[in-house]
Structures are given as C-alpha cells and as structure tokens.
Amino acid sequence: MIDTSLLGVRCRAAQNIFRGQETVRFSSEGTIQYELESLGHLLINIRWDNGVCSLASPDDIEIVDTDVVWQ
C-alpha cells in the first residue's frame, strides 16, 4: 500500500544509508515522496537534495519539519 500523506515533508538521514550503488550520507536532507508498506515492512521513498531518489526505513531518517508529527 502506498501512502502519500507525508508528501513534501522534509527529512534528514539519521545515519549513513546504503542502498545498492548509492550511499546517502549522515545529515543529508531530502523530501519524502511516499511511504510504502509491503509484507509488514514500512519503507519511505525520499528524493534527496543531491538528486538521488531512494528507499529508507523509518529508523534511517528523522523528520526536519517541526510542525509534522510522525510515528
């Protein structure tokens, strides 16, 4: 299931994120595109400011927007 309720919310990498050939470095910022739940796992698709688009787990990121509550 795809959830776009966080579309446009700013986030930051809480740690280095390694996905395939791409590495997103700690503190890199980006914008959430959507959340994807599959087989009980939640993944977030993020378009990072450097142009890379990748999936991350909720533990990999922190929300930067102070007016957004996310669990």
C-alpha atoms as a PDB file:
ATOM      1  CA  MET A   1       0.000   0.000   0.000  1.00  0.00           C
ATOM      2  CA  ILE A   2       1.305   3.464  -0.892  1.00  0.00           C
ATOM      3  CA  ASP A   3       0.608   6.396   1.432  1.00  0.00           C
ATOM      4  CA  THR A   4       1.270   9.948   0.222  1.00  0.00           C
ATOM      5  CA  SER A   5       0.176  11.735   3.407  1.00  0.00           C
ATOM      6  CA  LEU A   6       3.784  12.835   4.100  1.00  0.00           C
ATOM      7  CA  LEU A   7       4.392  14.041   0.526  1.00  0.00           C
ATOM      8  CA  GLY A   8       6.707  17.060   0.626  1.00  0.00           C
ATOM      9  CA  VAL A   9       7.795  16.652   4.254  1.00  0.00           C
ATOM     10  CA  ARG A  10      11.481  17.387   4.788  1.00  0.00           C
ATOM     11  CA  CYS A  11      13.692  14.775   6.433  1.00  0.00           C
ATOM     12  CA  ARG A  12      17.339  14.107   7.257  1.00  0.00           C
ATOM     13  CA  ALA A  13      19.418  10.929   7.216  1.00  0.00           C
ATOM     14  CA  ALA A  14      19.972   9.870  10.842  1.00  0.00           C
ATOM     15  CA  GLN A  15      22.862   7.649   9.722  1.00  0.00           C
ATOM     16  CA  ASN A  16      24.606   6.630   6.507  1.00  0.00           C
ATOM     17  CA  ILE A  17      22.101   4.795   4.299  1.00  0.00           C
ATOM     18  CA  PHE A  18      23.467   2.165   1.916  1.00  0.00           C
ATOM     19  CA  ARG A  19      21.092   1.114  -0.884  1.00  0.00           C
ATOM     20  CA  GLY A  20      22.570  -0.688  -3.865  1.00  0.00           C
ATOM     21  CA  GLN A  21      25.158   1.506  -5.589  1.00  0.00           C
ATOM     22  CA  GLU A  22      24.050   4.681  -3.785  1.00  0.00           C
ATOM     23  CA  THR A  23      25.097   5.903  -0.344  1.00  0.00           C
ATOM     24  CA  VAL A  24      23.214   8.696   1.376  1.00  0.00           C
ATOM     25  CA  ARG A  25      25.475  10.316   3.955  1.00  0.00           C
ATOM     26  CA  PHE A  26      24.550  11.155   7.542  1.00  0.00           C
ATOM     27  CA  SER A  27      22.736  14.523   7.807  1.00  0.00           C
ATOM     28  CA  SER A  28      21.835  14.627   4.093  1.00  0.00           C
ATOM     29  CA  GLU A  29      18.424  16.211   3.643  1.00  0.00           C
ATOM     30  CA  GLY A  30      15.604  15.356   1.291  1.00  0.00           C
ATOM     31  CA  THR A  31      11.864  15.369   0.683  1.00  0.00           C
ATOM     32  CA  ILE A  32       9.538  12.446   1.321  1.00  0.00           C
ATOM     33  CA  GLN A  33       7.670  11.278  -1.780  1.00  0.00           C
ATOM     34  CA  TYR A  34       5.611   8.446  -0.271  1.00  0.00           C
ATOM     35  CA  GLU A  35       5.527   5.616   2.265  1.00  0.00           C
ATOM     36  CA  LEU A  36       5.278   2.027   1.091  1.00  0.00           C
ATOM     37  CA  GLU A  37       4.095  -0.865   3.246  1.00  0.00           C
ATOM     38  CA  SER A  38       4.733  -4.361   1.987  1.00  0.00           C
ATOM     39  CA  LEU A  39       4.741  -7.639   3.866  1.00  0.00           C
ATOM     40  CA  GLY A  40       4.658  -5.800   7.192  1.00  0.00           C
ATOM     41  CA  HIS A  41       7.666  -3.584   6.434  1.00  0.00           C
ATOM     42  CA  LEU A  42       7.473   0.194   6.066  1.00  0.00           C
ATOM     43  CA  LEU A  43       9.778   1.953   3.598  1.00  0.00           C
ATOM     44  CA  ILE A  44       9.899   5.630   2.732  1.00  0.00           C
ATOM     45  CA  ASN A  45      10.779   6.873  -0.748  1.00  0.00           C
ATOM     46  CA  ILE A  46      12.883  10.035  -0.471  1.00  0.00           C
ATOM     47  CA  ARG A  47      14.195  12.417  -3.102  1.00  0.00           C
ATOM     48  CA  TRP A  48      17.459  13.611  -1.594  1.00  0.00           C
ATOM     49  CA  ASP A  49      18.708  17.138  -2.278  1.00  0.00           C
ATOM     50  CA  ASN A  50      21.600  15.725  -4.350  1.00  0.00           C
ATOM     51  CA  GLY A  51      19.049  14.329  -6.835  1.00  0.00           C
ATOM     52  CA  VAL A  52      19.214  10.692  -5.727  1.00  0.00           C
ATOM     53  CA  CYS A  53      15.894   9.004  -5.035  1.00  0.00           C
ATOM     54  CA  SER A  54      15.990   6.020  -2.662  1.00  0.00           C
ATOM     55  CA  LEU A  55      14.065   3.965  -0.147  1.00  0.00           C
ATOM     56  CA  ALA A  56      14.837   4.208   3.567  1.00  0.00           C
ATOM     57  CA  SER A  57      13.433   2.640   6.692  1.00  0.00           C
ATOM     58  CA  PRO A  58      11.848   4.855   9.359  1.00  0.00           C
ATOM     59  CA  ASP A  59      14.888   4.191  11.585  1.00  0.00           C
ATOM     60  CA  ASP A  60      17.196   5.656   8.919  1.00  0.00           C
ATOM     61  CA  ILE A  61      15.663   9.147   8.927  1.00  0.00           C
ATOM     62  CA  GLU A  62      14.368  11.917  11.138  1.00  0.00           C
ATOM     63  CA  ILE A  63      11.731  14.471  10.236  1.00  0.00           C
ATOM     64  CA  VAL A  64      13.063  18.036   9.900  1.00  0.00           C
ATOM     65  CA  ASP A  65       9.696  19.836   9.627  1.00  0.00           C
ATOM     66  CA  THR A  66       8.809  20.840  13.192  1.00  0.00           C
ATOM     67  CA  ASP A  67       5.068  21.053  12.540  1.00  0.00           C
ATOM     68  CA  VAL A  68       4.825  17.375  11.430  1.00  0.00           C
ATOM     69  CA  VAL A  69       4.124  14.592  13.902  1.00  0.00           C
ATOM     70  CA  TRP A  70       5.189  11.191  12.605  1.00  0.00           C
ATOM     71  CA  GLN A  71       5.296   7.847  14.346  1.00  0.00           C
END
